[in-house]
Protein backbone atom coordinates (compact mmCIF):
# COMPACT_ATOMS: atom_id res chain seq x y z
CA MET A 1 17.35 11.41 37.21
CA THR A 2 15.65 11.36 34.01
CA VAL A 3 16.95 12.38 30.49
CA ASP A 4 14.32 13.86 28.29
CA HIS A 5 14.82 11.99 24.81
CA PRO A 6 13.53 13.96 21.57
CA GLY A 7 10.54 12.33 19.94
CA PRO A 8 9.92 12.44 16.25
CA ASP A 9 9.36 15.52 14.74
CA ASP A 10 5.64 15.78 14.22
CA SER A 11 6.33 17.72 11.18
CA ASP A 12 8.43 14.98 9.11
CA PRO A 13 6.48 14.27 6.07
CA GLY A 14 8.09 10.64 6.11
CA LEU A 15 5.74 9.54 9.22
CA ALA A 16 2.90 7.76 8.20
CA ARG A 17 0.30 9.98 10.20
CA ASN A 18 1.35 12.82 8.35
CA ALA A 19 0.49 11.67 4.79
CA PRO A 20 -1.91 13.83 3.01
CA PHE A 21 -5.62 12.46 3.38
CA PRO A 22 -5.92 11.67 -0.46
CA VAL A 23 -2.91 9.27 0.01
CA LYS A 24 -4.35 7.80 3.05
CA THR A 25 -7.48 7.35 1.38
CA ALA A 26 -5.76 5.87 -1.81
CA VAL A 27 -3.44 3.22 0.48
CA ALA A 28 -6.75 2.13 2.49
CA VAL A 29 -9.10 1.70 -0.44
CA SER A 30 -5.83 -0.27 -2.04
CA LEU A 31 -5.50 -2.48 1.01
CA ALA A 32 -9.12 -3.29 0.92
CA GLY A 33 -8.45 -4.26 -2.93
CA VAL A 34 -6.09 -6.44 -1.44
CA ALA A 35 -8.23 -8.07 1.42
CA LEU A 36 -10.86 -8.80 -1.24
CA GLN A 37 -8.34 -10.80 -3.48
CA THR A 38 -6.94 -12.55 -0.57
CA ALA A 39 -10.38 -13.72 0.53
CA LEU A 40 -10.86 -14.55 -3.17
CA THR A 41 -7.50 -16.97 -3.41
CA ASP A 42 -7.26 -20.44 -2.40
CA TYR A 43 -4.21 -20.67 -0.54
CA PRO A 44 -2.61 -24.37 -0.08
CA GLY A 45 -3.35 -26.09 3.00
CA SER A 46 -6.03 -26.03 5.63
CA ASP A 47 -4.69 -23.74 7.97
CA ALA A 48 -4.86 -19.91 7.65
CA SER A 49 -1.37 -19.21 7.60
CA GLY A 50 -1.33 -18.19 4.01
CA VAL A 51 -3.88 -15.62 4.18
CA THR A 52 -2.50 -14.31 7.33
CA THR A 53 0.87 -13.83 5.59
CA ALA A 54 -0.70 -12.18 2.59
CA LEU A 55 -2.25 -9.62 4.87
CA ALA A 56 0.55 -8.93 6.93
CA LEU A 57 2.92 -8.26 4.28
CA ALA A 58 0.15 -6.55 2.45
CA GLY A 59 -0.41 -4.15 5.73
CA LEU A 60 3.48 -3.59 5.88
CA LEU A 61 3.71 -2.54 2.31
CA ALA A 62 1.03 0.02 2.90
CA TRP A 63 2.53 1.32 6.14
CA LEU A 64 5.71 2.12 4.04
CA ILE A 65 3.95 3.33 1.25
CA LEU A 66 2.52 5.97 3.71
CA ARG A 67 6.26 6.54 4.73
CA ARG A 68 7.18 7.43 1.40
CA SER A 69 8.78 4.22 0.13
CA ARG A 70 9.09 3.86 -3.45
CA VAL A 71 10.17 0.41 -3.32
CA ALA A 72 7.00 -0.75 -1.21
CA TRP A 73 4.76 1.21 -3.98
CA ALA A 74 6.67 -0.32 -6.69
CA VAL A 75 6.54 -4.01 -5.12
CA THR A 76 2.55 -3.52 -4.43
CA CYS A 77 2.11 -1.99 -8.00
CA ALA A 78 4.40 -4.81 -9.87
CA PHE A 79 2.39 -7.61 -7.77
CA SER A 80 -0.86 -6.06 -8.74
CA THR A 81 -0.28 -5.78 -12.35
CA LEU A 82 0.76 -9.37 -12.35
CA GLY A 83 -2.16 -10.44 -10.57
CA VAL A 84 -4.23 -8.66 -13.18
CA LEU A 85 -2.65 -10.20 -15.99
CA LEU A 86 -2.55 -13.71 -14.83
CA SER A 87 -6.18 -13.57 -13.68
CA ALA A 88 -7.25 -12.06 -16.91
CA LEU A 89 -5.58 -15.11 -19.02
CA GLN A 90 -7.83 -17.48 -16.88
CA THR A 91 -10.83 -19.21 -18.34
CA PRO A 92 -13.51 -16.31 -17.75
CA THR A 93 -15.52 -17.27 -14.83
CA LEU A 94 -17.15 -15.15 -12.17
CA ARG A 95 -14.54 -16.03 -9.79
CA SER A 96 -11.62 -14.82 -12.16
CA LEU A 97 -13.69 -11.68 -12.97
CA ALA A 98 -13.90 -10.95 -9.34
CA LEU A 99 -10.00 -11.26 -8.69
CA VAL A 100 -9.49 -8.96 -11.78
CA GLY A 101 -11.47 -6.44 -10.13
CA ALA A 102 -10.04 -7.06 -6.84
CA TYR A 103 -6.34 -6.45 -8.36
CA LEU A 104 -7.51 -3.61 -10.12
CA LEU A 105 -8.75 -1.81 -6.98
CA ALA A 106 -5.55 -2.43 -5.14
CA LEU A 107 -3.60 -1.06 -8.07
CA GLY A 108 -5.74 1.72 -9.36
CA PRO A 109 -5.52 4.20 -6.10
CA LEU A 110 -1.98 3.53 -6.04
CA LEU A 111 -1.51 5.01 -9.70
CA ALA A 112 -3.40 7.94 -8.63
CA PRO A 113 -1.25 11.37 -9.23
CA PRO A 114 -1.19 12.39 -4.97
CA VAL A 115 0.23 8.86 -4.26
CA ARG A 116 2.89 9.21 -7.05
CA ARG A 117 3.92 12.21 -5.91
CA HIS A 118 3.95 11.26 -2.46
CA VAL A 119 6.23 8.51 -2.92
CA ALA A 120 8.51 10.10 -5.60
CA PRO A 121 7.97 13.88 -5.77
CA GLU A 122 11.20 14.44 -7.87
CA ALA A 123 10.05 12.09 -10.47
CA PHE A 124 6.31 13.03 -11.12
CA GLY A 125 6.89 16.69 -10.89
CA ASP A 126 6.92 18.24 -7.75
CA GLY A 127 10.70 18.45 -7.79
CA ALA A 128 11.06 21.13 -10.62
CA SER A 129 11.40 24.63 -9.35
CA GLU A 130 12.11 27.71 -11.42
CA ASP A 131 15.74 28.02 -10.50
CA THR A 132 16.38 24.46 -11.70
CA PRO A 133 15.04 23.79 -15.14
CA HIS A 134 13.78 19.93 -16.21
CA GLY A 135 13.95 19.19 -12.51
CA ASP A 136 17.41 19.00 -12.27
CA ARG A 137 18.53 19.10 -8.45
CA PRO A 138 21.45 21.48 -7.64
């Protein structure tokens, strides 16, 4: 006897595959910035474990952002902002300038309105309706 288990509802907006195209594009560009930053960073040790860990964590955070995780979005934005500040405070070299650019490439798309509305619709304007003034929820 087989039991038919219902699968995930394809209309569920929390599924990563249901994220709007501009959000997917922004997250992909941001992930490319993280990959560039990872390539420009010297990790301790001779093995690639630091690079692998950084890219795996970035991929996980990107997937969580597509699933509407406000925490993953905030963590990624915070680390990218910190990276911009620390790289900008270094002695200006081609490498430090490239790191600033890579961190900005990771941060910029995540601050775009479609991504902000995707992860926090009530905080960035989509939560308000005509019968609930000022975005208050009933």
